[in-house]
PDB file of N, CA and C in Angstrom:
ATOM      1  N   UNK A   1       4.866 -26.062 -11.444  1.00  0.00           N
ATOM      2  CA  UNK A   1       5.432 -24.736 -11.239  1.00  0.00           C
ATOM      3  C   UNK A   1       4.605 -23.672 -11.949  1.00  0.00           C
ATOM      4  N   UNK A   2       4.249 -23.920 -13.188  1.00  0.00           N
ATOM      5  CA  UNK A   2       3.476 -22.944 -13.948  1.00  0.00           C
ATOM      6  C   UNK A   2       2.087 -22.759 -13.341  1.00  0.00           C
ATOM      7  N   UNK A   3       1.486 -23.846 -12.832  1.00  0.00           N
ATOM      8  CA  UNK A   3       0.169 -23.757 -12.219  1.00  0.00           C
ATOM      9  C   UNK A   3       0.226 -22.932 -10.930  1.00  0.00           C
ATOM     10  N   UNK A   4       1.320 -23.050 -10.170  1.00  0.00           N
ATOM     11  CA  UNK A   4       1.480 -22.256  -8.945  1.00  0.00           C
ATOM     12  C   UNK A   4       1.552 -20.766  -9.275  1.00  0.00           C
ATOM     13  N   UNK A   5       2.272 -20.435 -10.316  1.00  0.00           N
ATOM     14  CA  UNK A   5       2.382 -19.032 -10.730  1.00  0.00           C
ATOM     15  C   UNK A   5       1.027 -18.513 -11.188  1.00  0.00           C
ATOM     16  N   UNK A   6       0.309 -19.310 -11.951  1.00  0.00           N
ATOM     17  CA  UNK A   6      -1.014 -18.915 -12.426  1.00  0.00           C
ATOM     18  C   UNK A   6      -1.963 -18.686 -11.258  1.00  0.00           C
ATOM     19  N   UNK A   7      -1.969 -19.570 -10.280  1.00  0.00           N
ATOM     20  CA  UNK A   7      -2.833 -19.402  -9.115  1.00  0.00           C
ATOM     21  C   UNK A   7      -2.450 -18.164  -8.303  1.00  0.00           C
ATOM     22  N   UNK A   8      -1.161 -17.897  -8.176  1.00  0.00           N
ATOM     23  CA  UNK A   8      -0.708 -16.691  -7.469  1.00  0.00           C
ATOM     24  C   UNK A   8      -1.170 -15.432  -8.197  1.00  0.00           C
ATOM     25  N   UNK A   9      -1.098 -15.450  -9.517  1.00  0.00           N
ATOM     26  CA  UNK A   9      -1.561 -14.294 -10.299  1.00  0.00           C
ATOM     27  C   UNK A   9      -3.063 -14.100 -10.160  1.00  0.00           C
ATOM     28  N   UNK A  10      -3.809 -15.190 -10.166  1.00  0.00           N
ATOM     29  CA  UNK A  10      -5.265 -15.096 -10.023  1.00  0.00           C
ATOM     30  C   UNK A  10      -5.636 -14.545  -8.648  1.00  0.00           C
ATOM     31  N   UNK A  11      -4.979 -15.053  -7.597  1.00  0.00           N
ATOM     32  CA  UNK A  11      -5.258 -14.541  -6.247  1.00  0.00           C
ATOM     33  C   UNK A  11      -4.922 -13.057  -6.143  1.00  0.00           C
ATOM     34  N   UNK A  12      -3.776 -12.652  -6.693  1.00  0.00           N
ATOM     35  CA  UNK A  12      -3.387 -11.236  -6.658  1.00  0.00           C
ATOM     36  C   UNK A  12      -4.396 -10.380  -7.411  1.00  0.00           C
ATOM     37  N   UNK A  13      -4.824 -10.850  -8.569  1.00  0.00           N
ATOM     38  CA  UNK A  13      -5.790 -10.098  -9.367  1.00  0.00           C
ATOM     39  C   UNK A  13      -7.122  -9.961  -8.641  1.00  0.00           C
ATOM     40  N   UNK A  14      -7.594 -11.036  -8.030  1.00  0.00           N
ATOM     41  CA  UNK A  14      -8.889 -10.993  -7.354  1.00  0.00           C
ATOM     42  C   UNK A  14      -8.876 -10.082  -6.134  1.00  0.00           C
ATOM     43  N   UNK A  15      -7.848 -10.194  -5.311  1.00  0.00           N
ATOM     44  CA  UNK A  15      -7.788  -9.363  -4.100  1.00  0.00           C
ATOM     45  C   UNK A  15      -7.520  -7.905  -4.461  1.00  0.00           C
ATOM     46  N   UNK A  16      -6.541  -7.664  -5.330  1.00  0.00           N
ATOM     47  CA  UNK A  16      -6.275  -6.285  -5.760  1.00  0.00           C
ATOM     48  C   UNK A  16      -7.474  -5.682  -6.470  1.00  0.00           C
ATOM     49  N   UNK A  17      -8.149  -6.479  -7.288  1.00  0.00           N
ATOM     50  CA  UNK A  17      -9.350  -6.007  -7.969  1.00  0.00           C
ATOM     51  C   UNK A  17     -10.472  -5.689  -7.007  1.00  0.00           C
ATOM     52  N   UNK A  18     -10.590  -6.483  -5.934  1.00  0.00           N
ATOM     53  CA  UNK A  18     -11.607  -6.209  -4.923  1.00  0.00           C
ATOM     54  C   UNK A  18     -11.348  -4.868  -4.245  1.00  0.00           C
ATOM     55  N   UNK A  19     -10.073  -4.599  -3.903  1.00  0.00           N
ATOM     56  CA  UNK A  19      -9.728  -3.300  -3.315  1.00  0.00           C
ATOM     57  C   UNK A  19     -10.103  -2.158  -4.267  1.00  0.00           C
ATOM     58  N   UNK A  20      -9.787  -2.320  -5.539  1.00  0.00           N
ATOM     59  CA  UNK A  20     -10.101  -1.280  -6.528  1.00  0.00           C
ATOM     60  C   UNK A  20     -11.604  -1.119  -6.711  1.00  0.00           C
ATOM     61  N   UNK A  21     -12.337  -2.225  -6.717  1.00  0.00           N
ATOM     62  CA  UNK A  21     -13.788  -2.156  -6.891  1.00  0.00           C
ATOM     63  C   UNK A  21     -14.449  -1.441  -5.716  1.00  0.00           C
ATOM     64  N   UNK A  22     -13.984  -1.735  -4.505  1.00  0.00           N
ATOM     65  CA  UNK A  22     -14.542  -1.050  -3.332  1.00  0.00           C
ATOM     66  C   UNK A  22     -14.255   0.448  -3.414  1.00  0.00           C
ATOM     67  N   UNK A  23     -13.048   0.822  -3.800  1.00  0.00           N
ATOM     68  CA  UNK A  23     -12.711   2.241  -3.933  1.00  0.00           C
ATOM     69  C   UNK A  23     -13.578   2.904  -4.997  1.00  0.00           C
ATOM     70  N   UNK A  24     -13.801   2.222  -6.116  1.00  0.00           N
ATOM     71  CA  UNK A  24     -14.630   2.802  -7.179  1.00  0.00           C
ATOM     72  C   UNK A  24     -16.074   2.967  -6.722  1.00  0.00           C
ATOM     73  N   UNK A  25     -16.586   2.003  -5.968  1.00  0.00           N
ATOM     74  CA  UNK A  25     -17.945   2.128  -5.434  1.00  0.00           C
ATOM     75  C   UNK A  25     -18.026   3.310  -4.482  1.00  0.00           C
ATOM     76  N   UNK A  26     -17.015   3.478  -3.638  1.00  0.00           N
ATOM     77  CA  UNK A  26     -16.999   4.630  -2.735  1.00  0.00           C
ATOM     78  C   UNK A  26     -16.967   5.947  -3.498  1.00  0.00           C
ATOM     79  N   UNK A  27     -16.217   5.998  -4.580  1.00  0.00           N
ATOM     80  CA  UNK A  27     -16.166   7.216  -5.398  1.00  0.00           C
ATOM     81  C   UNK A  27     -17.522   7.480  -6.036  1.00  0.00           C
ATOM     82  N   UNK A  28     -18.151   6.438  -6.579  1.00  0.00           N
ATOM     83  CA  UNK A  28     -19.408   6.597  -7.310  1.00  0.00           C
ATOM     84  C   UNK A  28     -20.611   6.834  -6.415  1.00  0.00           C
ATOM     85  N   UNK A  29     -20.644   6.209  -5.243  1.00  0.00           N
ATOM     86  CA  UNK A  29     -21.859   6.197  -4.422  1.00  0.00           C
ATOM     87  C   UNK A  29     -21.817   7.100  -3.200  1.00  0.00           C
ATOM     88  N   UNK A  30     -20.662   7.674  -2.888  1.00  0.00           N
ATOM     89  CA  UNK A  30     -20.570   8.547  -1.718  1.00  0.00           C
ATOM     90  C   UNK A  30     -20.033   9.911  -2.145  1.00  0.00           C
ATOM     91  N   UNK A  31     -19.998  10.802  -1.192  1.00  0.00           N
ATOM     92  CA  UNK A  31     -19.435  12.123  -1.460  1.00  0.00           C
ATOM     93  C   UNK A  31     -17.956  12.196  -1.066  1.00  0.00           C
ATOM     94  N   UNK A  32     -17.358  11.041  -0.765  1.00  0.00           N
ATOM     95  CA  UNK A  32     -15.938  11.018  -0.409  1.00  0.00           C
ATOM     96  C   UNK A  32     -15.083  11.369  -1.621  1.00  0.00           C
ATOM     97  N   UNK A  33     -14.086  12.168  -1.386  1.00  0.00           N
ATOM     98  CA  UNK A  33     -13.158  12.503  -2.463  1.00  0.00           C
ATOM     99  C   UNK A  33     -12.127  11.383  -2.604  1.00  0.00           C
ATOM    100  N   UNK A  34     -11.505  11.267  -3.767  1.00  0.00           N
ATOM    101  CA  UNK A  34     -10.453  10.253  -3.920  1.00  0.00           C
ATOM    102  C   UNK A  34      -9.329  10.403  -2.888  1.00  0.00           C
ATOM    103  N   UNK A  35      -9.005  11.622  -2.504  1.00  0.00           N
ATOM    104  CA  UNK A  35      -7.950  11.827  -1.509  1.00  0.00           C
ATOM    105  C   UNK A  35      -8.348  11.248  -0.154  1.00  0.00           C
ATOM    106  N   UNK A  36      -9.606  11.379   0.213  1.00  0.00           N
ATOM    107  CA  UNK A  36     -10.065  10.817   1.492  1.00  0.00           C
ATOM    108  C   UNK A  36     -10.110   9.295   1.435  1.00  0.00           C
ATOM    109  N   UNK A  37     -10.474   8.756   0.298  1.00  0.00           N
ATOM    110  CA  UNK A  37     -10.485   7.306   0.137  1.00  0.00           C
ATOM    111  C   UNK A  37      -9.051   6.778   0.200  1.00  0.00           C
ATOM    112  N   UNK A  38      -8.130   7.458  -0.440  1.00  0.00           N
ATOM    113  CA  UNK A  38      -6.714   7.087  -0.388  1.00  0.00           C
ATOM    114  C   UNK A  38      -6.224   7.061   1.052  1.00  0.00           C
ATOM    115  N   UNK A  39      -6.529   8.102   1.794  1.00  0.00           N
ATOM    116  CA  UNK A  39      -6.115   8.178   3.189  1.00  0.00           C
ATOM    117  C   UNK A  39      -6.761   7.076   4.011  1.00  0.00           C
ATOM    118  N   UNK A  40      -8.030   6.812   3.768  1.00  0.00           N
ATOM    119  CA  UNK A  40      -8.732   5.752   4.495  1.00  0.00           C
ATOM    120  C   UNK A  40      -8.105   4.392   4.214  1.00  0.00           C
ATOM    121  N   UNK A  41      -7.693   4.150   2.981  1.00  0.00           N
ATOM    122  CA  UNK A  41      -7.049   2.876   2.645  1.00  0.00           C
ATOM    123  C   UNK A  41      -5.714   2.718   3.369  1.00  0.00           C
ATOM    124  N   UNK A  42      -4.924   3.775   3.432  1.00  0.00           N
ATOM    125  CA  UNK A  42      -3.643   3.684   4.131  1.00  0.00           C
ATOM    126  C   UNK A  42      -3.881   3.437   5.619  1.00  0.00           C
ATOM    127  N   UNK A  43      -4.816   4.176   6.217  1.00  0.00           N
ATOM    128  CA  UNK A  43      -5.114   4.002   7.645  1.00  0.00           C
ATOM    129  C   UNK A  43      -5.673   2.606   7.905  1.00  0.00           C
ATOM    130  N   UNK A  44      -6.534   2.113   7.019  1.00  0.00           N
ATOM    131  CA  UNK A  44      -7.075   0.758   7.174  1.00  0.00           C
ATOM    132  C   UNK A  44      -5.949  -0.275   7.135  1.00  0.00           C
ATOM    133  N   UNK A  45      -4.978  -0.090   6.264  1.00  0.00           N
ATOM    134  CA  UNK A  45      -3.839  -0.995   6.218  1.00  0.00           C
ATOM    135  C   UNK A  45      -3.034  -0.980   7.498  1.00  0.00           C
ATOM    136  N   UNK A  46      -2.849   0.194   8.077  1.00  0.00           N
ATOM    137  CA  UNK A  46      -2.119   0.300   9.346  1.00  0.00           C
ATOM    138  C   UNK A  46      -2.894  -0.410  10.451  1.00  0.00           C
ATOM    139  N   UNK A  47      -4.186  -0.120  10.547  1.00  0.00           N
ATOM    140  CA  UNK A  47      -5.002  -0.711  11.613  1.00  0.00           C
ATOM    141  C   UNK A  47      -5.101  -2.228  11.455  1.00  0.00           C
ATOM    142  N   UNK A  48      -5.393  -2.688  10.238  1.00  0.00           N
ATOM    143  CA  UNK A  48      -5.509  -4.132  10.010  1.00  0.00           C
ATOM    144  C   UNK A  48      -4.173  -4.844  10.212  1.00  0.00           C
ATOM    145  N   UNK A  49      -3.083  -4.171   9.869  1.00  0.00           N
ATOM    146  CA  UNK A  49      -1.763  -4.741  10.118  1.00  0.00           C
ATOM    147  C   UNK A  49      -1.435  -4.788  11.598  1.00  0.00           C
ATOM    148  N   UNK A  50      -1.832  -3.756  12.333  1.00  0.00           N
ATOM    149  CA  UNK A  50      -1.538  -3.689  13.762  1.00  0.00           C
ATOM    150  C   UNK A  50      -2.280  -4.766  14.547  1.00  0.00           C
ATOM    151  N   UNK A  51      -3.496  -5.092  14.135  1.00  0.00           N
ATOM    152  CA  UNK A  51      -4.269  -6.100  14.871  1.00  0.00           C
ATOM    153  C   UNK A  51      -4.070  -7.512  14.316  1.00  0.00           C
ATOM    154  N   UNK A  52      -3.232  -7.641  13.276  1.00  0.00           N
ATOM    155  CA  UNK A  52      -2.883  -8.955  12.765  1.00  0.00           C
ATOM    156  C   UNK A  52      -3.816  -9.531  11.723  1.00  0.00           C
ATOM    157  N   UNK A  53      -4.719  -8.736  11.186  1.00  0.00           N
ATOM    158  CA  UNK A  53      -5.662  -9.235  10.187  1.00  0.00           C
ATOM    159  C   UNK A  53      -5.078  -9.176   8.781  1.00  0.00           C
ATOM    160  N   UNK A  54      -4.233  -8.198   8.517  1.00  0.00           N
ATOM    161  CA  UNK A  54      -3.751  -8.008   7.152  1.00  0.00           C
ATOM    162  C   UNK A  54      -2.670  -9.017   6.756  1.00  0.00           C
ATOM    163  N   UNK A  55      -1.941  -9.552   7.707  1.00  0.00           N
ATOM    164  CA  UNK A  55      -0.877 -10.506   7.386  1.00  0.00           C
ATOM    165  C   UNK A  55      -1.393 -11.734   6.638  1.00  0.00           C
ATOM    166  N   UNK A  56      -2.507 -12.355   7.047  1.00  0.00           N
ATOM    167  CA  UNK A  56      -3.019 -13.488   6.269  1.00  0.00           C
ATOM    168  C   UNK A  56      -3.465 -13.090   4.857  1.00  0.00           C
ATOM    169  N   UNK A  57      -4.002 -11.889   4.720  1.00  0.00           N
ATOM    170  CA  UNK A  57      -4.383 -11.399   3.382  1.00  0.00           C
ATOM    171  C   UNK A  57      -3.132 -11.237   2.531  1.00  0.00           C
ATOM    172  N   UNK A  58      -2.079 -10.711   3.119  1.00  0.00           N
ATOM    173  CA  UNK A  58      -0.797 -10.553   2.439  1.00  0.00           C
ATOM    174  C   UNK A  58      -0.240 -11.906   2.001  1.00  0.00           C
ATOM    175  N   UNK A  59      -0.291 -12.887   2.882  1.00  0.00           N
ATOM    176  CA  UNK A  59       0.209 -14.222   2.555  1.00  0.00           C
ATOM    177  C   UNK A  59      -0.607 -14.864   1.427  1.00  0.00           C
ATOM    178  N   UNK A  60      -1.912 -14.651   1.420  1.00  0.00           N
ATOM    179  CA  UNK A  60      -2.783 -15.252   0.412  1.00  0.00           C
ATOM    180  C   UNK A  60      -2.643 -14.573  -0.945  1.00  0.00           C
ATOM    181  N   UNK A  61      -2.648 -13.233  -0.952  1.00  0.00           N
ATOM    182  CA  UNK A  61      -2.762 -12.494  -2.210  1.00  0.00           C
ATOM    183  C   UNK A  61      -1.437 -11.989  -2.765  1.00  0.00           C
ATOM    184  N   UNK A  62      -0.374 -11.968  -1.989  1.00  0.00           N
ATOM    185  CA  UNK A  62       0.904 -11.473  -2.494  1.00  0.00           C
ATOM    186  C   UNK A  62       0.808 -10.031  -2.966  1.00  0.00           C
ATOM    187  N   UNK A  63       1.175  -9.793  -4.218  1.00  0.00           N
ATOM    188  CA  UNK A  63       1.182  -8.430  -4.765  1.00  0.00           C
ATOM    189  C   UNK A  63      -0.214  -7.809  -4.785  1.00  0.00           C
ATOM    190  N   UNK A  64      -1.256  -8.621  -4.813  1.00  0.00           N
ATOM    191  CA  UNK A  64      -2.620  -8.086  -4.776  1.00  0.00           C
ATOM    192  C   UNK A  64      -2.926  -7.390  -3.468  1.00  0.00           C
ATOM    193  N   UNK A  65      -2.157  -7.701  -2.429  1.00  0.00           N
ATOM    194  CA  UNK A  65      -2.344  -7.061  -1.131  1.00  0.00           C
ATOM    195  C   UNK A  65      -1.243  -6.069  -0.800  1.00  0.00           C
ATOM    196  N   UNK A  66      -0.115  -6.125  -1.485  1.00  0.00           N
ATOM    197  CA  UNK A  66       0.984  -5.210  -1.152  1.00  0.00           C
ATOM    198  C   UNK A  66       1.019  -3.981  -2.036  1.00  0.00           C
ATOM    199  N   UNK A  67       0.541  -4.089  -3.254  1.00  0.00           N
ATOM    200  CA  UNK A  67       0.611  -2.952  -4.175  1.00  0.00           C
ATOM    201  C   UNK A  67      -0.422  -1.871  -3.848  1.00  0.00           C
ATOM    202  N   UNK A  68      -1.668  -2.221  -3.474  1.00  0.00           N
ATOM    203  CA  UNK A  68      -2.630  -1.153  -3.146  1.00  0.00           C
ATOM    204  C   UNK A  68      -2.187  -0.366  -1.915  1.00  0.00           C
ATOM    205  N   UNK A  69      -2.843   0.715  -1.670  1.00  0.00           N
ATOM    206  CA  UNK A  69      -2.479   1.601  -0.569  1.00  0.00           C
ATOM    207  C   UNK A  69      -2.608   0.942   0.789  1.00  0.00           C
ATOM    208  N   UNK A  70      -3.500  -0.032   0.920  1.00  0.00           N
ATOM    209  CA  UNK A  70      -3.585  -0.747   2.180  1.00  0.00           C
ATOM    210  C   UNK A  70      -2.278  -1.477   2.462  1.00  0.00           C
ATOM    211  N   UNK A  71      -1.609  -1.922   1.421  1.00  0.00           N
ATOM    212  CA  UNK A  71      -0.313  -2.570   1.583  1.00  0.00           C
ATOM    213  C   UNK A  71       0.731  -1.619   2.124  1.00  0.00           C
ATOM    214  N   UNK A  72       0.662  -0.355   1.725  1.00  0.00           N
ATOM    215  CA  UNK A  72       1.583   0.651   2.255  1.00  0.00           C
ATOM    216  C   UNK A  72       1.341   0.841   3.743  1.00  0.00           C
ATOM    217  N   UNK A  73       0.082   0.903   4.147  1.00  0.00           N
ATOM    218  CA  UNK A  73      -0.245   1.018   5.567  1.00  0.00           C
ATOM    219  C   UNK A  73       0.235  -0.190   6.357  1.00  0.00           C
ATOM    220  N   UNK A  74       0.044  -1.391   5.770  1.00  0.00           N
ATOM    221  CA  UNK A  74       0.516  -2.620   6.416  1.00  0.00           C
ATOM    222  C   UNK A  74       2.033  -2.595   6.566  1.00  0.00           C
ATOM    223  N   UNK A  75       2.730  -2.137   5.552  1.00  0.00           N
ATOM    224  CA  UNK A  75       4.185  -2.039   5.597  1.00  0.00           C
ATOM    225  C   UNK A  75       4.631  -1.114   6.727  1.00  0.00           C
ATOM    226  N   UNK A  76       3.942  -0.016   6.894  1.00  0.00           N
ATOM    227  CA  UNK A  76       4.261   0.924   7.969  1.00  0.00           C
ATOM    228  C   UNK A  76       4.053   0.276   9.331  1.00  0.00           C
ATOM    229  N   UNK A  77       2.900  -0.391   9.516  1.00  0.00           N
ATOM    230  CA  UNK A  77       2.632  -0.999  10.822  1.00  0.00           C
ATOM    231  C   UNK A  77       3.626  -2.119  11.136  1.00  0.00           C
ATOM    232  N   UNK A  78       3.994  -2.906  10.142  1.00  0.00           N
ATOM    233  CA  UNK A  78       4.969  -3.973  10.350  1.00  0.00           C
ATOM    234  C   UNK A  78       6.346  -3.382  10.681  1.00  0.00           C
ATOM    235  N   UNK A  79       6.719  -2.297  10.001  1.00  0.00           N
ATOM    236  CA  UNK A  79       7.996  -1.647  10.284  1.00  0.00           C
ATOM    237  C   UNK A  79       8.068  -1.109  11.702  1.00  0.00           C
ATOM    238  N   UNK A  80       6.963  -0.524  12.177  1.00  0.00           N
ATOM    239  CA  UNK A  80       6.927  -0.008  13.546  1.00  0.00           C
ATOM    240  C   UNK A  80       7.052  -1.158  14.539  1.00  0.00           C
ATOM    241  N   UNK A  81       6.280  -2.225  14.312  1.00  0.00           N
ATOM    242  CA  UNK A  81       6.309  -3.363  15.240  1.00  0.00           C
ATOM    243  C   UNK A  81       7.719  -3.960  15.344  1.00  0.00           C
ATOM    244  N   UNK A  82       8.366  -4.166  14.202  1.00  0.00           N
ATOM    245  CA  UNK A  82       9.703  -4.768  14.209  1.00  0.00           C
ATOM    246  C   UNK A  82      10.740  -3.841  14.839  1.00  0.00           C
ATOM    247  N   UNK A  83      10.650  -2.553  14.539  1.00  0.00           N
ATOM    248  CA  UNK A  83      11.630  -1.608  15.082  1.00  0.00           C
ATOM    249  C   UNK A  83      11.451  -1.409  16.576  1.00  0.00           C
ATOM    250  N   UNK A  84      10.213  -1.398  17.062  1.00  0.00           N
ATOM    251  CA  UNK A  84       9.983  -1.262  18.503  1.00  0.00           C
ATOM    252  C   UNK A  84      10.512  -2.493  19.229  1.00  0.00           C
ATOM    253  N   UNK A  85      10.308  -3.671  18.641  1.00  0.00           N
ATOM    254  CA  UNK A  85      10.830  -4.894  19.260  1.00  0.00           C
ATOM    255  C   UNK A  85      12.357  -4.888  19.313  1.00  0.00           C
ATOM    256  N   UNK A  86      12.998  -4.318  18.299  1.00  0.00           N
ATOM    257  CA  UNK A  86      14.460  -4.332  18.235  1.00  0.00           C
ATOM    258  C   UNK A  86      15.110  -3.172  18.976  1.00  0.00           C
ATOM    259  N   UNK A  87      14.504  -1.984  18.937  1.00  0.00           N
ATOM    260  CA  UNK A  87      15.168  -0.786  19.453  1.00  0.00           C
ATOM    261  C   UNK A  87      14.408  -0.067  20.559  1.00  0.00           C
ATOM    262  N   UNK A  88      13.270  -0.562  20.957  1.00  0.00           N
ATOM    263  CA  UNK A  88      12.475   0.138  21.958  1.00  0.00           C
ATOM    264  C   UNK A  88      11.589   1.185  21.295  1.00  0.00           C
ATOM    265  N   UNK A  89      11.144   2.119  22.102  1.00  0.00           N
ATOM    266  CA  UNK A  89      10.161   3.089  21.608  1.00  0.00           C
ATOM    267  C   UNK A  89      10.708   4.040  20.546  1.00  0.00           C
ATOM    268  N   UNK A  90      12.005   4.223  20.485  1.00  0.00           N
ATOM    269  CA  UNK A  90      12.566   5.056  19.408  1.00  0.00           C
ATOM    270  C   UNK A  90      12.287   4.416  18.053  1.00  0.00           C
ATOM    271  N   UNK A  91      12.101   3.107  18.047  1.00  0.00           N
ATOM    272  CA  UNK A  91      11.769   2.392  16.819  1.00  0.00           C
ATOM    273  C   UNK A  91      10.434   2.807  16.237  1.00  0.00           C
ATOM    274  N   UNK A  92       9.537   3.349  17.072  1.00  0.00           N
ATOM    275  CA  UNK A  92       8.239   3.829  16.569  1.00  0.00           C
ATOM    276  C   UNK A  92       8.432   4.988  15.599  1.00  0.00           C
ATOM    277  N   UNK A  93       9.515   5.725  15.762  1.00  0.00           N
ATOM    278  CA  UNK A  93       9.807   6.835  14.850  1.00  0.00           C
ATOM    279  C   UNK A  93      10.620   6.371  13.647  1.00  0.00           C
ATOM    280  N   UNK A  94      11.546   5.458  13.880  1.00  0.00           N
ATOM    281  CA  UNK A  94      12.435   5.008  12.816  1.00  0.00           C
ATOM    282  C   UNK A  94      11.819   3.917  11.948  1.00  0.00           C
ATOM    283  N   UNK A  95      10.978   3.083  12.526  1.00  0.00           N
ATOM    284  CA  UNK A  95      10.441   1.912  11.849  1.00  0.00           C
ATOM    285  C   UNK A  95       9.717   2.176  10.545  1.00  0.00           C
ATOM    286  N   UNK A  96       8.736   3.106  10.539  1.00  0.00           N
ATOM    287  CA  UNK A  96       8.013   3.327   9.281  1.00  0.00           C
ATOM    288  C   UNK A  96       8.896   3.901   8.180  1.00  0.00           C
ATOM    289  N   UNK A  97       9.854   4.737   8.560  1.00  0.00           N
ATOM    290  CA  UNK A  97      10.737   5.319   7.553  1.00  0.00           C
ATOM    291  C   UNK A  97      11.661   4.274   6.951  1.00  0.00           C
ATOM    292  N   UNK A  98      12.170   3.390   7.793  1.00  0.00           N
ATOM    293  CA  UNK A  98      13.049   2.334   7.311  1.00  0.00           C
ATOM    294  C   UNK A  98      12.288   1.342   6.446  1.00  0.00           C
ATOM    295  N   UNK A  99      11.093   0.947   6.888  1.00  0.00           N
ATOM    296  CA  UNK A  99      10.313  -0.061   6.167  1.00  0.00           C
ATOM    297  C   UNK A  99       9.851   0.442   4.806  1.00  0.00           C
ATOM    298  N   UNK A 100       9.516   1.710   4.714  1.00  0.00           N
ATOM    299  CA  UNK A 100       8.952   2.248   3.477  1.00  0.00           C
ATOM    300  C   UNK A 100       9.963   2.997   2.621  1.00  0.00           C
ATOM    301  N   UNK A 101      11.213   3.039   3.037  1.00  0.00           N
ATOM    302  CA  UNK A 101      12.187   3.874   2.331  1.00  0.00           C
ATOM    303  C   UNK A 101      12.409   3.440   0.883  1.00  0.00           C
ATOM    304  N   UNK A 102      12.384   2.141   0.610  1.00  0.00           N
ATOM    305  CA  UNK A 102      12.588   1.676  -0.769  1.00  0.00           C
ATOM    306  C   UNK A 102      11.500   2.165  -1.699  1.00  0.00           C
ATOM    307  N   UNK A 103      10.246   2.008  -1.289  1.00  0.00           N
ATOM    308  CA  UNK A 103       9.128   2.456  -2.118  1.00  0.00           C
ATOM    309  C   UNK A 103       9.074   3.962  -2.276  1.00  0.00           C
ATOM    310  N   UNK A 104       9.333   4.663  -1.189  1.00  0.00           N
ATOM    311  CA  UNK A 104       9.327   6.128  -1.250  1.00  0.00           C
ATOM    312  C   UNK A 104      10.459   6.622  -2.138  1.00  0.00           C
ATOM    313  N   UNK A 105      11.627   6.020  -2.009  1.00  0.00           N
ATOM    314  CA  UNK A 105      12.763   6.398  -2.862  1.00  0.00           C
ATOM    315  C   UNK A 105      12.475   6.150  -4.333  1.00  0.00           C
ATOM    316  N   UNK A 106      11.856   5.014  -4.638  1.00  0.00           N
ATOM    317  CA  UNK A 106      11.508   4.710  -6.028  1.00  0.00           C
ATOM    318  C   UNK A 106      10.490   5.700  -6.570  1.00  0.00           C
ATOM    319  N   UNK A 107       9.501   6.055  -5.748  1.00  0.00           N
ATOM    320  CA  UNK A 107       8.483   7.009  -6.193  1.00  0.00           C
ATOM    321  C   UNK A 107       9.086   8.388  -6.443  1.00  0.00           C
ATOM    322  N   UNK A 108       9.964   8.816  -5.563  1.00  0.00           N
ATOM    323  CA  UNK A 108      10.615  10.118  -5.749  1.00  0.00           C
ATOM    324  C   UNK A 108      11.504  10.127  -6.991  1.00  0.00           C
ATOM    325  N   UNK A 109      12.246   9.046  -7.203  1.00  0.00           N
ATOM    326  CA  UNK A 109      13.111   8.961  -8.383  1.00  0.00           C
ATOM    327  C   UNK A 109      12.291   8.958  -9.662  1.00  0.00           C
ATOM    328  N   UNK A 110      11.215   8.168  -9.689  1.00  0.00           N
ATOM    329  CA  UNK A 110      10.355   8.123 -10.869  1.00  0.00           C
ATOM    330  C   UNK A 110       9.714   9.483 -11.122  1.00  0.00           C
ATOM    331  N   UNK A 111       9.265  10.145 -10.067  1.00  0.00           N
ATOM    332  CA  UNK A 111       8.669  11.471 -10.221  1.00  0.00           C
ATOM    333  C   UNK A 111       9.657  12.480 -10.773  1.00  0.00           C
ATOM    334  N   UNK A 112      10.884  12.428 -10.296  1.00  0.00           N
ATOM    335  CA  UNK A 112      11.917  13.330 -10.798  1.00  0.00           C
ATOM    336  C   UNK A 112      12.198  13.071 -12.273  1.00  0.00           C
ATOM    337  N   UNK A 113      12.349  11.807 -12.647  1.00  0.00           N
ATOM    338  CA  UNK A 113      12.619  11.472 -14.049  1.00  0.00           C
ATOM    339  C   UNK A 113      11.480  11.906 -14.967  1.00  0.00           C
ATOM    340  N   UNK A 114      10.250  11.671 -14.559  1.00  0.00           N
ATOM    341  CA  UNK A 114       9.106  12.064 -15.385  1.00  0.00           C
ATOM    342  C   UNK A 114       9.050  13.582 -15.504  1.00  0.00           C
ATOM    343  N   UNK A 115       9.341  14.301 -14.411  1.00  0.00           N
ATOM    344  CA  UNK A 115       9.304  15.762 -14.479  1.00  0.00           C
ATOM    345  C   UNK A 115      10.390  16.317 -15.398  1.00  0.00           C
ATOM    346  N   UNK A 116      11.501  15.610 -15.508  1.00  0.00           N
ATOM    347  CA  UNK A 116      12.562  16.055 -16.406  1.00  0.00           C
ATOM    348  C   UNK A 116      12.264  15.717 -17.866  1.00  0.00           C
ATOM    349  N   UNK A 117      11.531  14.635 -18.094  1.00  0.00           N
ATOM    350  CA  UNK A 117      11.268  14.186 -19.464  1.00  0.00           C
ATOM    351  C   UNK A 117      10.056  14.849 -20.108  1.00  0.00           C
ATOM    352  N   UNK A 118       9.098  15.286 -19.296  1.00  0.00           N
ATOM    353  CA  UNK A 118       7.856  15.819 -19.845  1.00  0.00           C
ATOM    354  C   UNK A 118       7.622  17.235 -19.359  1.00  0.00           C
ATOM    355  N   UNK A 119       6.912  18.001 -20.189  1.00  0.00           N
ATOM    356  CA  UNK A 119       6.589  19.378 -19.877  1.00  0.00           C
ATOM    357  C   UNK A 119       5.167  19.419 -19.302  1.00  0.00           C
ATOM    358  N   UNK A 120       5.013  19.966 -18.113  1.00  0.00           N
ATOM    359  CA  UNK A 120       3.681  20.010 -17.502  1.00  0.00           C
ATOM    360  C   UNK A 120       2.944  21.266 -17.986  1.00  0.00           C
ATOM    361  N   UNK A 121       1.643  21.086 -18.148  1.00  0.00           N
ATOM    362  CA  UNK A 121       0.771  22.200 -18.562  1.00  0.00           C
ATOM    363  C   UNK A 121      -0.515  22.120 -17.779  1.00  0.00           C
ATOM    364  N   UNK A 122      -1.151  23.262 -17.593  1.00  0.00           N
ATOM    365  CA  UNK A 122      -2.459  23.293 -16.943  1.00  0.00           C
ATOM    366  C   UNK A 122      -3.519  22.775 -17.909  1.00  0.00           C
ATOM    367  N   UNK A 123      -4.522  22.114 -17.376  1.00  0.00           N
ATOM    368  CA  UNK A 123      -5.612  21.619 -18.231  1.00  0.00           C
ATOM    369  C   UNK A 123      -6.446  22.786 -18.730  1.00  0.00           C
ATOM    370  N   UNK A 124      -7.027  22.583 -19.904  1.00  0.00           N
ATOM    371  CA  UNK A 124      -8.005  23.530 -20.403  1.00  0.00           C
ATOM    372  C   UNK A 124      -7.412  24.674 -21.119  1.00  0.00           C
TER     373      UNK A 124
END
């Protein structure tokens, strides 16, 4: 049991680290802004999820594939696919919101709490 957990952690670290390393190389070696790289990662997750490539990566890496932004894109594409299968084309509108609502809700709640606890100031 402990060895299975260790192997899962190693796989998550390697895959998640690879995503981070590629993003850092793009930041260092190209003129792409971090915002464009972020957007590209989300779109790549949607595209790879839609064509069925991201699911095996998700199964192999677990949190290493779901926590990065590509995982958010994959979550959106999976939500659309499931909702369209269940509800028809209206599911294309409802699916991504339903699939991502937990993460979005957590992010909004955390952002609200941090904004209440800390005082923001301009740099410099």
